[in-house]
Amino acid sequence: MSGYTPAIGDLAYDEATNQVGRVVDRIGGYWQLRPSGGGREWDAHGPLRPATQAERLSCDVALANATSRGERL
């Protein structure tokens, strides 16, 4: 999606890696995203778009599953 500028905390889809992550920072010319269920951040250099409703639901389920397993996020 052209012209999309995510805010910190948004769920965004990284078109270069085909992953959805929560926007945690912007450094220089790239965004840093973290998987919604926790995990290592990655640098998104390519275009981002807002996560779809289905992608958001999938992230919510991943977060609920991680929480039920007692994982710290």
C-alpha atoms as a PDB file:
ATOM      1  CA  MET A   1       0.000   0.000   0.000  1.00  0.00           C
ATOM      2  CA  SER A   2       1.575   3.220  -1.139  1.00  0.00           C
ATOM      3  CA  GLY A   3       1.863   6.037   1.361  1.00  0.00           C
ATOM      4  CA  TYR A   4       1.226   3.956   4.497  1.00  0.00           C
ATOM      5  CA  THR A   5       3.156   5.235   7.502  1.00  0.00           C
ATOM      6  CA  PRO A   6       2.663   2.988  10.533  1.00  0.00           C
ATOM      7  CA  ALA A   7       2.620   4.252  14.092  1.00  0.00           C
ATOM      8  CA  ILE A   8       4.576   2.634  16.903  1.00  0.00           C
ATOM      9  CA  GLY A   9       2.405  -0.208  18.210  1.00  0.00           C
ATOM     10  CA  ASP A  10       0.576  -0.855  14.919  1.00  0.00           C
ATOM     11  CA  LEU A  11       0.359  -4.328  13.432  1.00  0.00           C
ATOM     12  CA  ALA A  12       1.873  -4.150   9.977  1.00  0.00           C
ATOM     13  CA  TYR A  13       2.534  -6.632   7.177  1.00  0.00           C
ATOM     14  CA  ASP A  14       6.104  -6.652   5.865  1.00  0.00           C
ATOM     15  CA  GLU A  15       5.752  -7.375   2.151  1.00  0.00           C
ATOM     16  CA  ALA A  16       9.452  -8.237   1.782  1.00  0.00           C
ATOM     17  CA  THR A  17       9.349 -11.080   4.337  1.00  0.00           C
ATOM     18  CA  ASN A  18       5.621 -11.936   4.249  1.00  0.00           C
ATOM     19  CA  GLN A  19       5.404 -11.540   8.035  1.00  0.00           C
ATOM     20  CA  VAL A  20       3.125  -9.587  10.339  1.00  0.00           C
ATOM     21  CA  GLY A  21       4.673  -7.776  13.264  1.00  0.00           C
ATOM     22  CA  ARG A  22       4.100  -5.031  15.767  1.00  0.00           C
ATOM     23  CA  VAL A  23       5.963  -1.837  14.890  1.00  0.00           C
ATOM     24  CA  VAL A  24       8.390  -1.083  17.723  1.00  0.00           C
ATOM     25  CA  ASP A  25      10.675   1.589  16.248  1.00  0.00           C
ATOM     26  CA  ARG A  26      11.897   3.415  13.197  1.00  0.00           C
ATOM     27  CA  ILE A  27      15.632   3.752  12.727  1.00  0.00           C
ATOM     28  CA  GLY A  28      16.999   5.537   9.706  1.00  0.00           C
ATOM     29  CA  GLY A  29      15.252   4.283   6.603  1.00  0.00           C
ATOM     30  CA  TYR A  30      13.712   1.121   8.038  1.00  0.00           C
ATOM     31  CA  TRP A  31      11.138  -0.032  10.564  1.00  0.00           C
ATOM     32  CA  GLN A  32      11.710  -2.519  13.364  1.00  0.00           C
ATOM     33  CA  LEU A  33       8.952  -5.073  13.841  1.00  0.00           C
ATOM     34  CA  ARG A  34       8.471  -7.803  16.441  1.00  0.00           C
ATOM     35  CA  PRO A  35       6.256 -10.868  16.087  1.00  0.00           C
ATOM     36  CA  SER A  36       3.008 -10.332  17.978  1.00  0.00           C
ATOM     37  CA  GLY A  37       3.501 -13.544  19.953  1.00  0.00           C
ATOM     38  CA  GLY A  38       6.958 -12.405  21.032  1.00  0.00           C
ATOM     39  CA  GLY A  39      10.336 -13.134  19.576  1.00  0.00           C
ATOM     40  CA  ARG A  40      13.224 -11.415  17.910  1.00  0.00           C
ATOM     41  CA  GLU A  41      12.733  -8.110  16.133  1.00  0.00           C
ATOM     42  CA  TRP A  42      13.544  -7.753  12.465  1.00  0.00           C
ATOM     43  CA  ASP A  43      14.313  -4.786  10.250  1.00  0.00           C
ATOM     44  CA  ALA A  44      11.748  -4.112   7.544  1.00  0.00           C
ATOM     45  CA  HIS A  45      13.395  -2.411   4.591  1.00  0.00           C
ATOM     46  CA  GLY A  46      10.611  -3.008   2.092  1.00  0.00           C
ATOM     47  CA  PRO A  47       7.084  -1.693   1.878  1.00  0.00           C
ATOM     48  CA  LEU A  48       4.683  -2.164   4.788  1.00  0.00           C
ATOM     49  CA  ARG A  49       0.905  -2.238   4.756  1.00  0.00           C
ATOM     50  CA  PRO A  50      -1.665  -2.406   7.536  1.00  0.00           C
ATOM     51  CA  ALA A  51      -2.372  -5.949   8.730  1.00  0.00           C
ATOM     52  CA  THR A  52      -5.704  -7.304   7.511  1.00  0.00           C
ATOM     53  CA  GLN A  53      -8.418  -8.362   9.950  1.00  0.00           C
ATOM     54  CA  ALA A  54      -7.504 -12.031   9.360  1.00  0.00           C
ATOM     55  CA  GLU A  55      -3.812 -11.308  10.022  1.00  0.00           C
ATOM     56  CA  ARG A  56      -4.707  -9.401  13.186  1.00  0.00           C
ATOM     57  CA  LEU A  57      -6.834 -12.322  14.411  1.00  0.00           C
ATOM     58  CA  SER A  58      -3.987 -14.746  13.735  1.00  0.00           C
ATOM     59  CA  CYS A  59      -1.652 -12.561  15.814  1.00  0.00           C
ATOM     60  CA  ASP A  60      -4.191 -12.393  18.639  1.00  0.00           C
ATOM     61  CA  VAL A  61      -4.445 -16.198  18.673  1.00  0.00           C
ATOM     62  CA  ALA A  62      -0.642 -16.543  18.695  1.00  0.00           C
ATOM     63  CA  LEU A  63      -0.454 -14.136  21.631  1.00  0.00           C
ATOM     64  CA  ALA A  64      -3.186 -15.999  23.550  1.00  0.00           C
ATOM     65  CA  ASN A  65      -1.438 -19.329  22.937  1.00  0.00           C
ATOM     66  CA  ALA A  66       1.924 -17.996  24.111  1.00  0.00           C
ATOM     67  CA  THR A  67       0.303 -16.528  27.217  1.00  0.00           C
ATOM     68  CA  SER A  68      -1.470 -19.806  28.021  1.00  0.00           C
ATOM     69  CA  ARG A  69       1.896 -21.595  27.846  1.00  0.00           C
ATOM     70  CA  GLY A  70       3.271 -19.150  30.406  1.00  0.00           C
ATOM     71  CA  GLU A  71       5.713 -17.544  27.987  1.00  0.00           C
ATOM     72  CA  ARG A  72       6.903 -14.050  28.760  1.00  0.00           C
ATOM     73  CA  LEU A  73       6.405 -11.661  25.891  1.00  0.00           C
END
